[in-house]
């Protein structure tokens, strides 16, 4: 009986027989796909750095000011009170990621994920700069002293880059002005913030200096999620087994089993074994295989962006029920989001009865109720407003402090006393409407209950 030498994977590629993690020394990729990914990565890095700095309509392009519970998304201020808008944004992001994965597989992981961008385009390039391609013999023959010096310089660079991007990350939550103020102030005045910055920087350093691909393989749930979302029509980096098999220089297939696609893979997998959760669609194997195909004078794209259905039939198609369903949901959510944002008032007013209070009878003719009022100016310019009772001319509004002028991007709070003639009260509870006016134009209406004596 002929012995079957084919082996099957029973563990991740970076784990050895003893269960310990193996360090993957990926070869530096080069080619047109790597160049495209480089340009896209630097666009993402520039967006990360400049988004909190660039301003549209006086607001940062992107800012998540959690301390003040306000967010600037593409120059539009969204407050914590805009819960429906925030929920819609989260739903749109989730549905878009699902739809994108169904159609294009893990393209996000290889092209836009911060973990991949920082690791492959910054930290691993620094490593190549100091240590070169460690698969080359010339780099392995360096003396131990030189290797140690280069190793120290590499890790110093890692730490500096980690600290820099930690501060960039913090700028998304504080804004550039506040961040500069924190950095230039003495450490004693902001010990907690300084320690937090160091802790996050150390976390980044450990991730990109030591954990690396283990984040994608062991920690990120997205790789497991793709097994549920992908089907035979999903586009991904795939090996054309119909054209490549049987492998070897003496066989009929185009694949010569040179192993270069494995050497260049950042997670150490063999793409020829089919779809694997470690594959991040980084396209490094496409470039490397195309280089080999040129050398042996074979057609390129033995490894390419395609689907299982495309390999089998020669026709790629992403049209299926799930694609249409997710697209329909996404379109509906975007329409609802657009309508909600367009109809959102520039001033948010909340009128809530003061806790633990009932009605008060100030004299024989009038009843009063006390309310807490909060007003938020969601714009970056000052507003002049007035609050008035609607449909009840006899009522009177008295405020403990002036709220007629709202500063830009600020909120005001006051106590409101509503005074109504007893003759206007017909039942225990009376429904009232309070209108907020700007230049005599009604911009928002609040409905409240006014409590009076039992009739």
Protein backbone atom coordinates (compact mmCIF):
# COMPACT_ATOMS: atom_id res chain seq x y z
CA UNK A 1 0.00 0.00 0.00
CA UNK A 2 1.40 3.38 -1.00
CA UNK A 3 2.16 5.74 1.92
CA UNK A 4 0.20 8.97 2.00
CA UNK A 5 2.70 11.78 2.66
CA UNK A 6 0.13 14.56 2.54
CA UNK A 7 -0.11 16.42 5.85
CA UNK A 8 -3.06 18.33 7.22
CA UNK A 9 -3.02 21.42 9.41
CA UNK A 10 -4.09 20.91 12.99
CA UNK A 11 -2.81 24.21 14.38
CA UNK A 12 -2.11 27.83 13.30
CA UNK A 13 0.90 28.32 11.06
CA UNK A 14 2.91 30.21 13.69
CA UNK A 15 2.68 27.48 16.35
CA UNK A 16 5.24 24.64 16.50
CA UNK A 17 4.86 21.02 17.66
CA UNK A 18 5.33 22.00 21.32
CA UNK A 19 2.62 24.68 21.23
CA UNK A 20 5.05 27.62 21.26
CA UNK A 21 4.68 30.47 18.80
CA UNK A 22 7.13 30.64 15.91
CA UNK A 23 8.48 33.97 14.70
CA UNK A 24 7.57 34.52 11.07
CA UNK A 25 10.37 36.19 9.10
CA UNK A 26 8.51 37.31 6.01
CA UNK A 27 10.43 38.31 2.91
CA UNK A 28 10.02 41.95 1.89
CA UNK A 29 7.40 42.05 -0.90
CA UNK A 30 7.65 44.09 -4.07
CA UNK A 31 5.45 44.52 -7.09
CA UNK A 32 2.53 46.52 -8.44
CA UNK A 33 0.04 45.33 -5.81
CA UNK A 34 2.45 46.17 -3.00
CA UNK A 35 2.96 49.64 -4.50
CA UNK A 36 -0.81 50.18 -4.72
CA UNK A 37 -1.25 49.07 -1.14
CA UNK A 38 1.58 51.39 -0.07
CA UNK A 39 -0.08 54.43 -1.62
CA UNK A 40 -3.43 53.55 -0.05
CA UNK A 41 -1.78 52.94 3.35
CA UNK A 42 -0.10 56.34 3.31
CA UNK A 43 -3.41 57.96 2.41
CA UNK A 44 -4.95 56.27 5.49
CA UNK A 45 -2.01 57.38 7.69
CA UNK A 46 -2.31 60.97 6.48
CA UNK A 47 -6.06 60.86 7.13
CA UNK A 48 -5.37 59.60 10.67
CA UNK A 49 -2.95 62.47 11.32
CA UNK A 50 -4.82 65.30 9.58
CA UNK A 51 -8.48 64.46 10.29
CA UNK A 52 -8.57 66.12 13.75
CA UNK A 53 -6.58 69.11 12.41
CA UNK A 54 -8.50 69.92 9.22
CA UNK A 55 -11.66 71.94 9.89
CA UNK A 56 -14.91 72.16 7.94
CA UNK A 57 -17.38 74.90 8.91
CA UNK A 58 -15.19 75.61 11.92
CA UNK A 59 -15.42 72.02 13.18
CA UNK A 60 -12.72 69.32 13.02
CA UNK A 61 -13.12 66.83 10.20
CA UNK A 62 -13.14 64.05 12.83
CA UNK A 63 -13.27 64.41 16.62
CA UNK A 64 -14.66 62.15 19.35
CA UNK A 65 -14.78 64.38 22.42
CA UNK A 66 -16.09 61.81 24.89
CA UNK A 67 -15.40 64.05 27.91
CA UNK A 68 -17.81 66.70 26.58
CA UNK A 69 -20.06 64.10 24.90
CA UNK A 70 -19.86 65.57 21.43
CA UNK A 71 -18.53 64.25 18.14
CA UNK A 72 -17.52 65.92 14.90
CA UNK A 73 -18.04 63.59 11.95
CA UNK A 74 -16.90 65.07 8.64
CA UNK A 75 -17.39 68.54 10.10
CA UNK A 76 -20.91 67.89 11.45
CA UNK A 77 -21.35 68.14 15.21
CA UNK A 78 -23.22 65.23 16.76
CA UNK A 79 -23.99 65.33 20.48
CA UNK A 80 -24.67 62.49 22.87
CA UNK A 81 -28.31 63.56 22.80
CA UNK A 82 -28.41 62.60 19.10
CA UNK A 83 -28.63 58.93 20.06
CA UNK A 84 -30.66 58.00 17.00
CA UNK A 85 -28.03 59.46 14.68
CA UNK A 86 -25.20 57.70 16.54
CA UNK A 87 -27.12 54.41 16.39
CA UNK A 88 -27.66 54.86 12.65
CA UNK A 89 -23.94 55.53 12.12
CA UNK A 90 -23.03 52.32 13.96
CA UNK A 91 -25.60 50.31 12.01
CA UNK A 92 -24.35 51.70 8.69
CA UNK A 93 -20.75 50.82 9.59
CA UNK A 94 -21.68 47.26 10.64
CA UNK A 95 -23.83 46.60 7.56
CA UNK A 96 -21.16 48.10 5.28
CA UNK A 97 -18.46 45.86 6.78
CA UNK A 98 -20.68 42.80 6.38
CA UNK A 99 -21.61 43.73 2.79
CA UNK A 100 -17.99 44.54 1.92
CA UNK A 101 -16.85 41.18 3.33
CA UNK A 102 -19.54 39.22 1.48
CA UNK A 103 -18.43 40.75 -1.82
CA UNK A 104 -14.68 41.36 -1.41
CA UNK A 105 -13.67 39.00 1.40
CA UNK A 106 -10.98 40.26 3.80
CA UNK A 107 -9.85 43.17 1.66
CA UNK A 108 -10.28 45.39 4.73
CA UNK A 109 -7.70 43.34 6.66
CA UNK A 110 -4.97 43.61 4.04
CA UNK A 111 -5.57 47.17 2.89
CA UNK A 112 -7.28 49.33 5.53
CA UNK A 113 -6.95 47.64 8.94
CA UNK A 114 -4.74 49.79 11.24
CA UNK A 115 -2.98 46.66 12.50
CA UNK A 116 -1.84 45.73 8.97
CA UNK A 117 -1.04 49.29 7.88
CA UNK A 118 1.15 50.04 10.90
CA UNK A 119 2.83 46.63 10.94
CA UNK A 120 3.53 46.24 7.22
CA UNK A 121 4.05 49.84 6.14
CA UNK A 122 5.83 51.31 9.16
CA UNK A 123 7.23 48.85 11.70
CA UNK A 124 8.25 46.09 9.30
CA UNK A 125 9.84 48.65 6.97
CA UNK A 126 11.86 50.00 9.88
CA UNK A 127 12.90 46.41 10.55
CA UNK A 128 13.96 45.93 6.93
CA UNK A 129 15.89 49.21 7.15
CA UNK A 130 17.99 48.13 10.15
CA UNK A 131 18.17 44.38 9.61
CA UNK A 132 17.54 43.95 5.90
CA UNK A 133 15.94 40.84 4.49
CA UNK A 134 16.95 38.25 7.07
CA UNK A 135 16.40 35.49 4.55
CA UNK A 136 19.40 36.74 2.57
CA UNK A 137 22.79 35.23 3.33
CA UNK A 138 24.52 38.65 3.43
CA UNK A 139 22.36 39.71 6.38
CA UNK A 140 22.89 36.46 8.26
CA UNK A 141 26.71 36.86 8.10
CA UNK A 142 26.80 40.15 10.05
CA UNK A 143 28.82 39.96 13.28
CA UNK A 144 27.00 39.72 16.61
CA UNK A 145 27.99 43.22 17.78
CA UNK A 146 26.58 44.84 14.63
CA UNK A 147 23.39 42.82 14.98
CA UNK A 148 22.93 43.93 18.61
CA UNK A 149 23.47 47.63 17.76
CA UNK A 150 21.00 47.42 14.89
CA UNK A 151 18.52 45.58 17.12
CA UNK A 152 18.73 48.31 19.78
CA UNK A 153 18.31 51.06 17.18
CA UNK A 154 15.32 49.23 15.72
CA UNK A 155 13.54 49.00 19.07
CA UNK A 156 14.32 52.64 19.90
CA UNK A 157 12.68 53.57 16.60
CA UNK A 158 9.70 51.34 17.45
CA UNK A 159 9.24 53.14 20.78
CA UNK A 160 9.46 56.62 19.20
CA UNK A 161 6.93 55.69 16.51
CA UNK A 162 4.62 54.16 19.16
CA UNK A 163 4.70 57.34 21.25
CA UNK A 164 4.07 59.53 18.18
CA UNK A 165 1.04 57.58 16.98
CA UNK A 166 -0.33 57.29 20.52
CA UNK A 167 -0.46 61.10 20.64
CA UNK A 168 -2.06 61.14 17.17
CA UNK A 169 -4.64 58.67 18.50
CA UNK A 170 -5.29 60.86 21.55
CA UNK A 171 -5.73 63.89 19.28
CA UNK A 172 -8.89 62.26 17.89
CA UNK A 173 -10.39 62.54 21.40
CA UNK A 174 -8.93 65.85 22.60
CA UNK A 175 -8.37 67.91 19.46
CA UNK A 176 -4.96 69.36 18.47
CA UNK A 177 -5.24 72.50 20.62
CA UNK A 178 -6.00 70.58 23.81
CA UNK A 179 -3.30 68.01 23.06
CA UNK A 180 -0.65 70.72 22.57
CA UNK A 181 -1.78 72.31 25.83
CA UNK A 182 -1.38 68.99 27.65
CA UNK A 183 2.03 68.26 26.10
CA UNK A 184 3.44 71.73 26.86
CA UNK A 185 2.16 71.81 30.45
CA UNK A 186 4.25 70.31 33.29
CA UNK A 187 3.84 66.56 33.82
CA UNK A 188 2.79 67.16 37.44
CA UNK A 189 -0.36 68.92 36.22
CA UNK A 190 -1.47 65.93 34.18
CA UNK A 191 0.09 62.82 35.72
CA UNK A 192 -2.87 60.57 34.92
CA UNK A 193 -2.91 61.60 31.24
CA UNK A 194 0.86 61.18 30.97
CA UNK A 195 0.72 57.69 32.48
CA UNK A 196 -2.15 56.78 30.17
CA UNK A 197 -0.14 57.93 27.15
CA UNK A 198 2.86 55.85 28.25
CA UNK A 199 0.65 52.79 28.86
CA UNK A 200 -0.95 53.02 25.40
CA UNK A 201 2.47 53.59 23.80
CA UNK A 202 3.86 50.51 25.54
CA UNK A 203 0.84 48.52 24.39
CA UNK A 204 1.45 49.58 20.77
CA UNK A 205 5.15 48.78 21.10
CA UNK A 206 4.47 45.27 22.41
CA UNK A 207 1.89 44.62 19.68
CA UNK A 208 4.08 45.70 16.76
CA UNK A 209 7.45 44.58 18.12
CA UNK A 210 6.47 41.14 19.47
CA UNK A 211 2.86 40.03 18.96
CA UNK A 212 2.55 41.11 15.33
CA UNK A 213 0.62 38.57 13.22
CA UNK A 214 -0.64 36.88 16.39
CA UNK A 215 -3.14 39.75 16.73
CA UNK A 216 -4.70 38.70 13.41
CA UNK A 217 -4.48 34.96 14.10
CA UNK A 218 -5.44 34.68 17.78
CA UNK A 219 -7.11 37.91 18.92
CA UNK A 220 -9.08 39.39 16.02
CA UNK A 221 -12.53 37.79 15.61
CA UNK A 222 -12.92 39.04 12.04
CA UNK A 223 -10.95 36.12 10.56
CA UNK A 224 -13.39 33.66 12.14
CA UNK A 225 -16.35 35.79 11.13
CA UNK A 226 -15.39 35.62 7.46
CA UNK A 227 -16.09 31.87 7.45
CA UNK A 228 -19.77 32.71 8.02
CA UNK A 229 -19.92 35.61 5.58
CA UNK A 230 -17.96 34.29 2.60
CA UNK A 231 -19.39 32.07 -0.11
CA UNK A 232 -18.18 30.68 -3.44
CA UNK A 233 -18.80 34.03 -5.17
CA UNK A 234 -16.88 36.20 -2.68
CA UNK A 235 -13.74 37.83 -4.10
CA UNK A 236 -10.48 37.05 -2.30
CA UNK A 237 -6.82 36.28 -2.96
CA UNK A 238 -6.99 32.79 -4.40
CA UNK A 239 -4.74 30.24 -6.11
CA UNK A 240 -5.89 29.00 -9.52
CA UNK A 241 -5.64 25.28 -8.75
CA UNK A 242 -7.10 24.31 -12.13
CA UNK A 243 -4.21 26.00 -13.89
CA UNK A 244 -1.47 25.35 -11.34
CA UNK A 245 -1.98 21.64 -10.61
CA UNK A 246 -0.24 19.23 -10.72
CA UNK A 247 2.69 21.16 -9.24
CA UNK A 248 6.40 20.78 -9.92
CA UNK A 249 8.82 21.59 -12.72
CA UNK A 250 8.23 18.25 -14.46
CA UNK A 251 4.43 18.31 -14.31
CA UNK A 252 1.86 19.94 -16.53
CA UNK A 253 0.72 22.60 -14.05
CA UNK A 254 2.09 26.16 -14.09
CA UNK A 255 2.96 26.08 -10.35
CA UNK A 256 6.59 24.96 -9.88
CA UNK A 257 6.15 24.73 -6.09
CA UNK A 258 8.96 27.23 -5.46
CA UNK A 259 7.58 28.27 -2.07
CA UNK A 260 8.04 32.00 -2.67
CA UNK A 261 4.36 32.71 -1.94
CA UNK A 262 4.94 31.23 1.53
CA UNK A 263 8.21 33.12 2.05
CA UNK A 264 6.55 36.48 1.47
CA UNK A 265 3.35 35.82 3.46
CA UNK A 266 3.17 37.90 6.70
CA UNK A 267 1.19 35.13 8.45
CA UNK A 268 3.23 32.25 7.00
CA UNK A 269 0.45 30.35 5.23
CA UNK A 270 0.49 28.48 1.94
CA UNK A 271 -2.18 30.10 -0.23
CA UNK A 272 -2.24 26.96 -2.39
CA UNK A 273 -4.03 25.14 0.44
CA UNK A 274 -7.16 27.20 -0.19
CA UNK A 275 -9.08 29.72 1.93
CA UNK A 276 -7.60 30.07 5.43
CA UNK A 277 -8.57 32.37 8.28
CA UNK A 278 -4.97 33.66 8.59
CA UNK A 279 -5.05 35.09 5.05
CA UNK A 280 -5.50 38.87 5.21
CA UNK A 281 -5.64 39.42 1.42
CA UNK A 282 -2.48 41.53 1.50
CA UNK A 283 -1.61 40.52 -2.12
CA UNK A 284 2.07 39.88 -1.31
CA UNK A 285 1.80 36.36 -2.74
CA UNK A 286 0.27 37.73 -5.96
CA UNK A 287 3.28 39.96 -6.60
CA UNK A 288 5.76 37.24 -5.72
CA UNK A 289 4.05 34.63 -7.89
CA UNK A 290 3.85 37.05 -10.82
CA UNK A 291 7.61 37.62 -10.52
CA UNK A 292 8.21 33.86 -10.70
CA UNK A 293 5.81 33.47 -13.63
CA UNK A 294 7.75 36.10 -15.57
CA UNK A 295 10.99 34.25 -14.96
CA UNK A 296 9.63 30.93 -16.21
CA UNK A 297 7.76 32.64 -19.06
CA UNK A 298 4.28 31.65 -17.93
CA UNK A 299 1.14 33.86 -17.81
CA UNK A 300 0.78 36.00 -14.69
CA UNK A 301 -2.04 35.85 -12.10
CA UNK A 302 -1.71 32.20 -11.12
CA UNK A 303 -2.56 33.73 -7.74
CA UNK A 304 -5.03 36.61 -8.10
CA UNK A 305 -8.17 38.32 -6.84
CA UNK A 306 -10.98 35.96 -7.83
CA UNK A 307 -13.67 33.72 -6.38
CA UNK A 308 -14.01 29.94 -6.13
CA UNK A 309 -16.86 30.23 -8.61
CA UNK A 310 -14.62 32.25 -10.93
CA UNK A 311 -11.89 29.59 -10.82
CA UNK A 312 -14.35 26.80 -11.52
CA UNK A 313 -16.38 28.47 -14.27
CA UNK A 314 -14.03 31.15 -15.57
CA UNK A 315 -16.73 33.76 -14.83
CA UNK A 316 -16.63 35.90 -11.70
CA UNK A 317 -19.94 37.01 -10.21
CA UNK A 318 -20.84 38.66 -6.93
CA UNK A 319 -24.58 38.69 -7.61
CA UNK A 320 -26.51 36.67 -5.03
CA UNK A 321 -29.40 37.07 -2.60
CA UNK A 322 -27.20 38.12 0.35
CA UNK A 323 -25.53 40.85 -1.71
CA UNK A 324 -28.87 42.29 -2.77
CA UNK A 325 -30.33 42.01 0.76
CA UNK A 326 -27.39 43.71 2.50
CA UNK A 327 -27.26 46.39 -0.24
CA UNK A 328 -30.96 47.14 0.20
CA UNK A 329 -30.59 47.45 3.99
CA UNK A 330 -27.52 49.68 3.59
CA UNK A 331 -29.29 51.97 1.11
CA UNK A 332 -32.32 52.30 3.39
CA UNK A 333 -30.10 53.12 6.39
CA UNK A 334 -28.17 55.76 4.41
CA UNK A 335 -31.44 57.37 3.24
CA UNK A 336 -32.84 57.41 6.80
CA UNK A 337 -29.54 58.83 8.06
CA UNK A 338 -29.57 61.59 5.43
CA UNK A 339 -33.17 62.55 6.22
CA UNK A 340 -32.49 62.55 9.98
CA UNK A 341 -29.40 64.74 9.68
CA UNK A 342 -31.11 67.18 7.28
CA UNK A 343 -34.11 67.63 9.59
CA UNK A 344 -32.09 67.79 12.80
CA UNK A 345 -32.51 71.03 14.72
CA UNK A 346 -29.43 73.17 15.26
CA UNK A 347 -30.55 73.70 18.86
CA UNK A 348 -31.39 70.83 21.21
CA UNK A 349 -33.78 71.69 24.05
CA UNK A 350 -34.87 69.41 26.88
CA UNK A 351 -37.49 70.42 29.46
CA UNK A 352 -37.85 68.00 32.39
CA UNK A 353 -39.88 68.42 35.57
CA UNK A 354 -37.67 69.03 38.59
CA UNK A 355 -37.42 65.78 40.50
CA UNK A 356 -39.60 65.44 43.57
CA UNK A 357 -41.72 68.54 42.94
CA UNK A 358 -45.49 68.98 42.57
CA UNK A 359 -47.50 72.07 41.71
CA UNK A 360 -47.39 75.25 43.80
CA UNK A 361 -50.23 77.71 44.23
CA UNK A 362 -48.63 81.14 44.42
CA UNK A 363 -51.88 83.00 44.92
CA UNK A 364 -55.60 82.46 44.56
CA UNK A 365 -55.42 82.79 40.77
CA UNK A 366 -52.27 81.00 39.62
CA UNK A 367 -50.55 77.57 39.73
CA UNK A 368 -46.82 77.06 39.06
CA UNK A 369 -44.63 74.08 38.10
CA UNK A 370 -40.82 73.94 38.17
CA UNK A 371 -38.71 72.39 35.37
CA UNK A 372 -35.03 71.91 34.54
CA UNK A 373 -34.09 73.20 31.09
CA UNK A 374 -30.98 72.23 29.11
CA UNK A 375 -30.20 73.89 25.77
CA UNK A 376 -27.36 72.89 23.43
CA UNK A 377 -26.14 75.01 20.54
CA UNK A 378 -24.97 72.45 17.97
CA UNK A 379 -23.45 75.05 15.65
CA UNK A 380 -20.18 76.98 15.70
CA UNK A 381 -21.82 80.41 15.82
CA UNK A 382 -23.78 82.33 18.46
CA UNK A 383 -27.57 82.08 18.50
CA UNK A 384 -30.34 84.30 19.80
CA UNK A 385 -33.36 82.31 20.96
CA UNK A 386 -36.60 82.67 22.90
CA UNK A 387 -38.84 80.09 24.61
CA UNK A 388 -42.59 80.63 24.50
CA UNK A 389 -45.75 78.71 25.36
CA UNK A 390 -47.71 77.52 22.35
CA UNK A 391 -51.55 77.48 22.37
CA UNK A 392 -51.76 79.07 25.83
CA UNK A 393 -51.46 82.83 25.81
CA UNK A 394 -52.25 83.28 29.52
CA UNK A 395 -49.20 81.31 30.68
CA UNK A 396 -45.96 82.91 31.85
CA UNK A 397 -42.36 81.58 31.69
CA UNK A 398 -39.83 82.72 34.27
CA UNK A 399 -36.13 81.70 34.08
CA UNK A 400 -33.58 81.84 36.89
CA UNK A 401 -30.91 83.02 34.42
CA UNK A 402 -30.84 84.48 30.92
CA UNK A 403 -30.66 81.90 28.13
CA UNK A 404 -31.57 84.16 25.23
CA UNK A 405 -27.96 84.16 23.95
CA UNK A 406 -26.33 80.80 23.25
CA UNK A 407 -22.59 80.72 22.77
CA UNK A 408 -21.25 78.68 19.85
CA UNK A 409 -20.84 74.96 20.50
CA UNK A 410 -21.96 75.31 24.15
CA UNK A 411 -24.81 74.25 26.38
CA UNK A 412 -26.82 76.27 28.90
CA UNK A 413 -28.86 75.14 31.88
CA UNK A 414 -31.54 76.96 33.82
CA UNK A 415 -34.55 76.45 36.04
CA UNK A 416 -37.91 77.28 34.49
CA UNK A 417 -40.99 78.34 36.44
CA UNK A 418 -44.24 78.03 34.44
CA UNK A 419 -47.14 80.06 35.83
CA UNK A 420 -50.70 79.38 34.59
CA UNK A 421 -54.08 80.78 35.70
CA UNK A 422 -56.20 78.26 37.57
CA UNK A 423 -59.02 79.02 35.15
CA UNK A 424 -56.97 77.51 32.31
CA UNK A 425 -56.53 74.16 34.13
CA UNK A 426 -59.27 71.70 33.21
CA UNK A 427 -57.83 68.47 34.68
CA UNK A 428 -55.17 67.05 36.99
CA UNK A 429 -52.67 67.02 34.11
CA UNK A 430 -52.53 69.60 31.33
CA UNK A 431 -50.52 69.05 28.15
CA UNK A 432 -48.40 72.03 27.19
CA UNK A 433 -46.12 72.82 24.27
CA UNK A 434 -43.02 74.99 24.63
CA UNK A 435 -41.63 76.38 21.37
CA UNK A 436 -38.04 77.50 20.83
CA UNK A 437 -37.79 80.42 18.42
CA UNK A 438 -34.85 81.92 16.55
CA UNK A 439 -35.58 85.28 14.91
CA UNK A 440 -39.30 84.59 15.49
CA UNK A 441 -38.99 81.32 13.58
CA UNK A 442 -40.05 78.13 15.36
CA UNK A 443 -37.14 75.66 15.34
CA UNK A 444 -38.17 73.03 17.91
CA UNK A 445 -41.13 72.05 20.11
CA UNK A 446 -41.11 70.34 23.51
CA UNK A 447 -44.21 68.64 24.93
CA UNK A 448 -44.54 68.65 28.74
CA UNK A 449 -47.12 67.89 31.41
CA UNK A 450 -48.32 70.59 33.79
CA UNK A 451 -49.73 69.31 37.07
CA UNK A 452 -52.53 71.15 38.81
CA UNK A 453 -55.13 70.53 41.50
CA UNK A 454 -57.73 67.84 40.98
CA UNK A 455 -60.86 69.24 39.31
